Amino acid sequence: MTTKTKELISMVESLPVDIKTTLVEKILNSLHPAQKEIDALWAKEAEKRVREIKTGKVKTIPGDKVFKEIHEKYSR
């Protein structure tokens, strides 16, 4: 480990928890930038689906009915 790396780690260790949390989040996002975009797309899709249910555009089906239909269709 280089001296600069050790100095950086020492500086980070002295930071308040909220700043450390922000720093960790930024570092992780820099490692996986596509994941942030994927998460945003999934959040948008979830919001759309909730809106469609609330407005009555789509109807929900109870899970037990769904699994029963799947079982009937594929257990032959």
PDB file of N, CA and C in Angstrom:
ATOM      1  N   MET A   1       0.855  -1.166   0.000  1.00  0.00           N
ATOM      2  CA  MET A   1       0.000   0.000   0.000  1.00  0.00           C
ATOM      3  C   MET A   1       0.906   1.237   0.000  1.00  0.00           C
ATOM      4  N   THR A   2       0.603   2.168  -0.883  1.00  0.00           N
ATOM      5  CA  THR A   2       1.429   3.368  -0.976  1.00  0.00           C
ATOM      6  C   THR A   2       1.156   4.321   0.183  1.00  0.00           C
ATOM      7  N   THR A   3       2.055   5.254   0.355  1.00  0.00           N
ATOM      8  CA  THR A   3       1.896   6.261   1.402  1.00  0.00           C
ATOM      9  C   THR A   3       0.655   7.100   1.151  1.00  0.00           C
ATOM     10  N   LYS A   4       0.424   7.457  -0.112  1.00  0.00           N
ATOM     11  CA  LYS A   4      -0.760   8.260  -0.440  1.00  0.00           C
ATOM     12  C   LYS A   4      -2.043   7.505  -0.104  1.00  0.00           C
ATOM     13  N   THR A   5      -2.056   6.213  -0.385  1.00  0.00           N
ATOM     14  CA  THR A   5      -3.229   5.398  -0.078  1.00  0.00           C
ATOM     15  C   THR A   5      -3.458   5.354   1.431  1.00  0.00           C
ATOM     16  N   LYS A   6      -2.394   5.177   2.185  1.00  0.00           N
ATOM     17  CA  LYS A   6      -2.506   5.154   3.645  1.00  0.00           C
ATOM     18  C   LYS A   6      -3.020   6.489   4.173  1.00  0.00           C
ATOM     19  N   GLU A   7      -2.522   7.587   3.598  1.00  0.00           N
ATOM     20  CA  GLU A   7      -2.978   8.914   4.014  1.00  0.00           C
ATOM     21  C   GLU A   7      -4.462   9.094   3.707  1.00  0.00           C
ATOM     22  N   LEU A   8      -4.875   8.644   2.537  1.00  0.00           N
ATOM     23  CA  LEU A   8      -6.279   8.758   2.143  1.00  0.00           C
ATOM     24  C   LEU A   8      -7.173   7.962   3.096  1.00  0.00           C
ATOM     25  N   ILE A   9      -6.758   6.749   3.392  1.00  0.00           N
ATOM     26  CA  ILE A   9      -7.528   5.910   4.312  1.00  0.00           C
ATOM     27  C   ILE A   9      -7.621   6.570   5.683  1.00  0.00           C
ATOM     28  N   SER A  10      -6.535   7.133   6.145  1.00  0.00           N
ATOM     29  CA  SER A  10      -6.533   7.819   7.432  1.00  0.00           C
ATOM     30  C   SER A  10      -7.487   9.010   7.421  1.00  0.00           C
ATOM     31  N   MET A  11      -7.491   9.761   6.328  1.00  0.00           N
ATOM     32  CA  MET A  11      -8.403  10.902   6.203  1.00  0.00           C
ATOM     33  C   MET A  11      -9.853  10.433   6.225  1.00  0.00           C
ATOM     34  N   VAL A  12     -10.131   9.373   5.485  1.00  0.00           N
ATOM     35  CA  VAL A  12     -11.502   8.855   5.408  1.00  0.00           C
ATOM     36  C   VAL A  12     -11.961   8.374   6.783  1.00  0.00           C
ATOM     37  N   GLU A  13     -11.090   7.699   7.499  1.00  0.00           N
ATOM     38  CA  GLU A  13     -11.447   7.193   8.827  1.00  0.00           C
ATOM     39  C   GLU A  13     -11.819   8.311   9.797  1.00  0.00           C
ATOM     40  N   SER A  14     -11.302   9.503   9.567  1.00  0.00           N
ATOM     41  CA  SER A  14     -11.588  10.615  10.476  1.00  0.00           C
ATOM     42  C   SER A  14     -12.865  11.375  10.108  1.00  0.00           C
ATOM     43  N   LEU A  15     -13.480  11.019   8.997  1.00  0.00           N
ATOM     44  CA  LEU A  15     -14.693  11.714   8.553  1.00  0.00           C
ATOM     45  C   LEU A  15     -15.910  11.289   9.367  1.00  0.00           C
ATOM     46  N   PRO A  16     -16.922  12.160   9.449  1.00  0.00           N
ATOM     47  CA  PRO A  16     -18.184  11.778  10.091  1.00  0.00           C
ATOM     48  C   PRO A  16     -18.888  10.681   9.281  1.00  0.00           C
ATOM     49  N   VAL A  17     -19.734   9.925   9.944  1.00  0.00           N
ATOM     50  CA  VAL A  17     -20.406   8.784   9.320  1.00  0.00           C
ATOM     51  C   VAL A  17     -21.199   9.188   8.077  1.00  0.00           C
ATOM     52  N   ASP A  18     -21.922  10.306   8.127  1.00  0.00           N
ATOM     53  CA  ASP A  18     -22.732  10.697   6.971  1.00  0.00           C
ATOM     54  C   ASP A  18     -21.869  10.981   5.744  1.00  0.00           C
ATOM     55  N   ILE A  19     -20.700  11.551   5.941  1.00  0.00           N
ATOM     56  CA  ILE A  19     -19.800  11.820   4.813  1.00  0.00           C
ATOM     57  C   ILE A  19     -19.210  10.507   4.304  1.00  0.00           C
ATOM     58  N   LYS A  20     -18.854   9.611   5.228  1.00  0.00           N
ATOM     59  CA  LYS A  20     -18.339   8.299   4.814  1.00  0.00           C
ATOM     60  C   LYS A  20     -19.380   7.565   3.976  1.00  0.00           C
ATOM     61  N   THR A  21     -20.629   7.619   4.405  1.00  0.00           N
ATOM     62  CA  THR A  21     -21.710   6.949   3.679  1.00  0.00           C
ATOM     63  C   THR A  21     -21.830   7.501   2.269  1.00  0.00           C
ATOM     64  N   THR A  22     -21.797   8.807   2.141  1.00  0.00           N
ATOM     65  CA  THR A  22     -21.866   9.435   0.821  1.00  0.00           C
ATOM     66  C   THR A  22     -20.675   9.027  -0.028  1.00  0.00           C
ATOM     67  N   LEU A  23     -19.509   9.009   0.571  1.00  0.00           N
ATOM     68  CA  LEU A  23     -18.293   8.626  -0.145  1.00  0.00           C
ATOM     69  C   LEU A  23     -18.371   7.182  -0.640  1.00  0.00           C
ATOM     70  N   VAL A  24     -18.821   6.287   0.221  1.00  0.00           N
ATOM     71  CA  VAL A  24     -18.967   4.876  -0.165  1.00  0.00           C
ATOM     72  C   VAL A  24     -19.944   4.744  -1.329  1.00  0.00           C
ATOM     73  N   GLU A  25     -21.065   5.447  -1.240  1.00  0.00           N
ATOM     74  CA  GLU A  25     -22.065   5.399  -2.306  1.00  0.00           C
ATOM     75  C   GLU A  25     -21.473   5.868  -3.634  1.00  0.00           C
ATOM     76  N   LYS A  26     -20.723   6.958  -3.601  1.00  0.00           N
ATOM     77  CA  LYS A  26     -20.099   7.494  -4.819  1.00  0.00           C
ATOM     78  C   LYS A  26     -19.085   6.511  -5.390  1.00  0.00           C
ATOM     79  N   ILE A  27     -18.293   5.910  -4.527  1.00  0.00           N
ATOM     80  CA  ILE A  27     -17.292   4.949  -4.994  1.00  0.00           C
ATOM     81  C   ILE A  27     -17.974   3.741  -5.625  1.00  0.00           C
ATOM     82  N   LEU A  28     -18.992   3.200  -4.962  1.00  0.00           N
ATOM     83  CA  LEU A  28     -19.702   2.038  -5.514  1.00  0.00           C
ATOM     84  C   LEU A  28     -20.368   2.370  -6.843  1.00  0.00           C
ATOM     85  N   ASN A  29     -20.971   3.549  -6.935  1.00  0.00           N
ATOM     86  CA  ASN A  29     -21.597   3.952  -8.198  1.00  0.00           C
ATOM     87  C   ASN A  29     -20.572   4.107  -9.308  1.00  0.00           C
ATOM     88  N   SER A  30     -19.366   4.520  -8.963  1.00  0.00           N
ATOM     89  CA  SER A  30     -18.334   4.659  -9.989  1.00  0.00           C
ATOM     90  C   SER A  30     -17.860   3.294 -10.481  1.00  0.00           C
ATOM     91  N   LEU A  31     -17.977   2.279  -9.637  1.00  0.00           N
ATOM     92  CA  LEU A  31     -17.592   0.923 -10.035  1.00  0.00           C
ATOM     93  C   LEU A  31     -18.647   0.263 -10.908  1.00  0.00           C
ATOM     94  N   HIS A  32     -19.908   0.606 -10.665  1.00  0.00           N
ATOM     95  CA  HIS A  32     -21.018   0.001 -11.391  1.00  0.00           C
ATOM     96  C   HIS A  32     -21.992   1.075 -11.875  1.00  0.00           C
ATOM     97  N   PRO A  33     -21.549   1.950 -12.782  1.00  0.00           N
ATOM     98  CA  PRO A  33     -22.447   3.034 -13.218  1.00  0.00           C
ATOM     99  C   PRO A  33     -23.699   2.529 -13.910  1.00  0.00           C
ATOM    100  N   ALA A  34     -23.612   1.419 -14.600  1.00  0.00           N
ATOM    101  CA  ALA A  34     -24.786   0.890 -15.303  1.00  0.00           C
ATOM    102  C   ALA A  34     -25.856   0.452 -14.304  1.00  0.00           C
ATOM    103  N   GLN A  35     -25.453  -0.042 -13.142  1.00  0.00           N
ATOM    104  CA  GLN A  35     -26.420  -0.498 -12.148  1.00  0.00           C
ATOM    105  C   GLN A  35     -27.310   0.644 -11.688  1.00  0.00           C
ATOM    106  N   LYS A  36     -26.742   1.829 -11.560  1.00  0.00           N
ATOM    107  CA  LYS A  36     -27.524   2.995 -11.144  1.00  0.00           C
ATOM    108  C   LYS A  36     -28.610   3.282 -12.185  1.00  0.00           C
ATOM    109  N   GLU A  37     -28.246   3.178 -13.452  1.00  0.00           N
ATOM    110  CA  GLU A  37     -29.219   3.399 -14.528  1.00  0.00           C
ATOM    111  C   GLU A  37     -30.297   2.315 -14.515  1.00  0.00           C
ATOM    112  N   ILE A  38     -29.890   1.088 -14.294  1.00  0.00           N
ATOM    113  CA  ILE A  38     -30.840  -0.025 -14.240  1.00  0.00           C
ATOM    114  C   ILE A  38     -31.797   0.158 -13.067  1.00  0.00           C
ATOM    115  N   ASP A  39     -31.263   0.540 -11.913  1.00  0.00           N
ATOM    116  CA  ASP A  39     -32.112   0.781 -10.741  1.00  0.00           C
ATOM    117  C   ASP A  39     -33.125   1.883 -11.013  1.00  0.00           C
ATOM    118  N   ALA A  40     -32.683   2.935 -11.694  1.00  0.00           N
ATOM    119  CA  ALA A  40     -33.593   4.045 -12.017  1.00  0.00           C
ATOM    120  C   ALA A  40     -34.693   3.580 -12.963  1.00  0.00           C
ATOM    121  N   LEU A  41     -34.335   2.750 -13.943  1.00  0.00           N
ATOM    122  CA  LEU A  41     -35.340   2.227 -14.878  1.00  0.00           C
ATOM    123  C   LEU A  41     -36.346   1.332 -14.159  1.00  0.00           C
ATOM    124  N   TRP A  42     -35.866   0.484 -13.245  1.00  0.00           N
ATOM    125  CA  TRP A  42     -36.779  -0.383 -12.495  1.00  0.00           C
ATOM    126  C   TRP A  42     -37.704   0.438 -11.605  1.00  0.00           C
ATOM    127  N   ALA A  43     -37.174   1.484 -10.988  1.00  0.00           N
ATOM    128  CA  ALA A  43     -38.008   2.344 -10.141  1.00  0.00           C
ATOM    129  C   ALA A  43     -39.094   3.006 -10.975  1.00  0.00           C
ATOM    130  N   LYS A  44     -38.733   3.461 -12.165  1.00  0.00           N
ATOM    131  CA  LYS A  44     -39.703   4.092 -13.066  1.00  0.00           C
ATOM    132  C   LYS A  44     -40.784   3.087 -13.478  1.00  0.00           C
ATOM    133  N   GLU A  45     -40.371   1.861 -13.783  1.00  0.00           N
ATOM    134  CA  GLU A  45     -41.315   0.813 -14.176  1.00  0.00           C
ATOM    135  C   GLU A  45     -42.258   0.475 -13.019  1.00  0.00           C
ATOM    136  N   ALA A  46     -41.713   0.380 -11.814  1.00  0.00           N
ATOM    137  CA  ALA A  46     -42.546   0.080 -10.641  1.00  0.00           C
ATOM    138  C   ALA A  46     -43.574   1.183 -10.409  1.00  0.00           C
ATOM    139  N   GLU A  47     -43.152   2.430 -10.545  1.00  0.00           N
ATOM    140  CA  GLU A  47     -44.081   3.554 -10.381  1.00  0.00           C
ATOM    141  C   GLU A  47     -45.188   3.501 -11.430  1.00  0.00           C
ATOM    142  N   LYS A  48     -44.822   3.144 -12.660  1.00  0.00           N
ATOM    143  CA  LYS A  48     -45.809   3.034 -13.742  1.00  0.00           C
ATOM    144  C   LYS A  48     -46.827   1.946 -13.423  1.00  0.00           C
ATOM    145  N   ARG A  49     -46.348   0.806 -12.944  1.00  0.00           N
ATOM    146  CA  ARG A  49     -47.248  -0.304 -12.634  1.00  0.00           C
ATOM    147  C   ARG A  49     -48.191   0.037 -11.485  1.00  0.00           C
ATOM    148  N   VAL A  50     -47.681   0.698 -10.469  1.00  0.00           N
ATOM    149  CA  VAL A  50     -48.535   1.117  -9.350  1.00  0.00           C
ATOM    150  C   VAL A  50     -49.602   2.075  -9.853  1.00  0.00           C
ATOM    151  N   ARG A  51     -49.208   3.015 -10.690  1.00  0.00           N
ATOM    152  CA  ARG A  51     -50.154   3.983 -11.257  1.00  0.00           C
ATOM    153  C   ARG A  51     -51.236   3.270 -12.068  1.00  0.00           C
ATOM    154  N   GLU A  52     -50.846   2.271 -12.862  1.00  0.00           N
ATOM    155  CA  GLU A  52     -51.812   1.522 -13.674  1.00  0.00           C
ATOM    156  C   GLU A  52     -52.802   0.752 -12.796  1.00  0.00           C
ATOM    157  N   ILE A  53     -52.333   0.216 -11.692  1.00  0.00           N
ATOM    158  CA  ILE A  53     -53.225  -0.499 -10.773  1.00  0.00           C
ATOM    159  C   ILE A  53     -54.186   0.481 -10.114  1.00  0.00           C
ATOM    160  N   LYS A  54     -53.655   1.605  -9.632  1.00  0.00           N
ATOM    161  CA  LYS A  54     -54.493   2.587  -8.934  1.00  0.00           C
ATOM    162  C   LYS A  54     -55.554   3.201  -9.841  1.00  0.00           C
ATOM    163  N   THR A  55     -55.226   3.391 -11.118  1.00  0.00           N
ATOM    164  CA  THR A  55     -56.192   4.003 -12.038  1.00  0.00           C
ATOM    165  C   THR A  55     -57.146   2.980 -12.641  1.00  0.00           C
ATOM    166  N   GLY A  56     -56.905   1.698 -12.369  1.00  0.00           N
ATOM    167  CA  GLY A  56     -57.776   0.660 -12.902  1.00  0.00           C
ATOM    168  C   GLY A  56     -57.435   0.239 -14.320  1.00  0.00           C
ATOM    169  N   LYS A  57     -56.328   0.733 -14.843  1.00  0.00           N
ATOM    170  CA  LYS A  57     -55.916   0.360 -16.201  1.00  0.00           C
ATOM    171  C   LYS A  57     -55.603  -1.133 -16.279  1.00  0.00           C
ATOM    172  N   VAL A  58     -55.065  -1.671 -15.207  1.00  0.00           N
ATOM    173  CA  VAL A  58     -54.808  -3.112 -15.138  1.00  0.00           C
ATOM    174  C   VAL A  58     -55.436  -3.656 -13.864  1.00  0.00           C
ATOM    175  N   LYS A  59     -55.785  -4.909 -13.893  1.00  0.00           N
ATOM    176  CA  LYS A  59     -56.370  -5.580 -12.732  1.00  0.00           C
ATOM    177  C   LYS A  59     -55.342  -6.555 -12.168  1.00  0.00           C
ATOM    178  N   THR A  60     -55.313  -6.644 -10.872  1.00  0.00           N
ATOM    179  CA  THR A  60     -54.409  -7.601 -10.242  1.00  0.00           C
ATOM    180  C   THR A  60     -55.080  -8.967 -10.171  1.00  0.00           C
ATOM    181  N   ILE A  61     -54.258  -9.993 -10.090  1.00  0.00           N
ATOM    182  CA  ILE A  61     -54.751 -11.365  -9.962  1.00  0.00           C
ATOM    183  C   ILE A  61     -54.130 -11.938  -8.694  1.00  0.00           C
ATOM    184  N   PRO A  62     -54.935 -12.531  -7.820  1.00  0.00           N
ATOM    185  CA  PRO A  62     -54.379 -13.115  -6.597  1.00  0.00           C
ATOM    186  C   PRO A  62     -53.312 -14.161  -6.925  1.00  0.00           C
ATOM    187  N   GLY A  63     -52.253 -14.167  -6.137  1.00  0.00           N
ATOM    188  CA  GLY A  63     -51.139 -15.077  -6.372  1.00  0.00           C
ATOM    189  C   GLY A  63     -51.541 -16.534  -6.420  1.00  0.00           C
ATOM    190  N   ASP A  64     -52.466 -16.961  -5.527  1.00  0.00           N
ATOM    191  CA  ASP A  64     -52.859 -18.375  -5.521  1.00  0.00           C
ATOM    192  C   ASP A  64     -53.526 -18.765  -6.832  1.00  0.00           C
ATOM    193  N   LYS A  65     -54.275 -17.837  -7.431  1.00  0.00           N
ATOM    194  CA  LYS A  65     -54.916 -18.116  -8.718  1.00  0.00           C
ATOM    195  C   LYS A  65     -53.861 -18.242  -9.822  1.00  0.00           C
ATOM    196  N   VAL A  66     -52.877 -17.368  -9.795  1.00  0.00           N
ATOM    197  CA  VAL A  66     -51.797 -17.413 -10.791  1.00  0.00           C
ATOM    198  C   VAL A  66     -51.068 -18.746 -10.710  1.00  0.00           C
ATOM    199  N   PHE A  67     -50.683 -19.145  -9.491  1.00  0.00           N
ATOM    200  CA  PHE A  67     -49.949 -20.398  -9.335  1.00  0.00           C
ATOM    201  C   PHE A  67     -50.801 -21.607  -9.702  1.00  0.00           C
ATOM    202  N   LYS A  68     -52.086 -21.554  -9.425  1.00  0.00           N
ATOM    203  CA  LYS A  68     -52.987 -22.644  -9.799  1.00  0.00           C
ATOM    204  C   LYS A  68     -53.029 -22.775 -11.321  1.00  0.00           C
ATOM    205  N   GLU A  69     -53.159 -21.645 -12.015  1.00  0.00           N
ATOM    206  CA  GLU A  69     -53.200 -21.673 -13.480  1.00  0.00           C
ATOM    207  C   GLU A  69     -51.882 -22.177 -14.064  1.00  0.00           C
ATOM    208  N   ILE A  70     -50.777 -21.770 -13.489  1.00  0.00           N
ATOM    209  CA  ILE A  70     -49.466 -22.245 -13.960  1.00  0.00           C
ATOM    210  C   ILE A  70     -49.364 -23.750 -13.754  1.00  0.00           C
ATOM    211  N   HIS A  71     -49.769 -24.208 -12.580  1.00  0.00           N
ATOM    212  CA  HIS A  71     -49.713 -25.639 -12.282  1.00  0.00           C
ATOM    213  C   HIS A  71     -50.580 -26.429 -13.262  1.00  0.00           C
ATOM    214  N   GLU A  72     -51.797 -25.939 -13.512  1.00  0.00           N
ATOM    215  CA  GLU A  72     -52.700 -26.633 -14.436  1.00  0.00           C
ATOM    216  C   GLU A  72     -52.131 -26.658 -15.850  1.00  0.00           C
ATOM    217  N   LYS A  73     -51.513 -25.575 -16.256  1.00  0.00           N
ATOM    218  CA  LYS A  73     -51.000 -25.479 -17.625  1.00  0.00           C
ATOM    219  C   LYS A  73     -49.765 -26.352 -17.843  1.00  0.00           C
ATOM    220  N   TYR A  74     -48.881 -26.419 -16.857  1.00  0.00           N
ATOM    221  CA  TYR A  74     -47.594 -27.074 -17.078  1.00  0.00           C
ATOM    222  C   TYR A  74     -47.435 -28.426 -16.392  1.00  0.00           C
ATOM    223  N   SER A  75     -48.439 -28.902 -15.695  1.00  0.00           N
ATOM    224  CA  SER A  75     -48.285 -30.195 -15.024  1.00  0.00           C
ATOM    225  C   SER A  75     -48.785 -31.351 -15.874  1.00  0.00           C
ATOM    226  N   ARG A  76     -49.091 -31.079 -17.091  1.00  0.00           N
ATOM    227  CA  ARG A  76     -49.580 -32.145 -17.987  1.00  0.00           C
ATOM    228  C   ARG A  76     -48.470 -32.955 -18.561  1.00  0.00           C
TER     229      ARG A  76
END
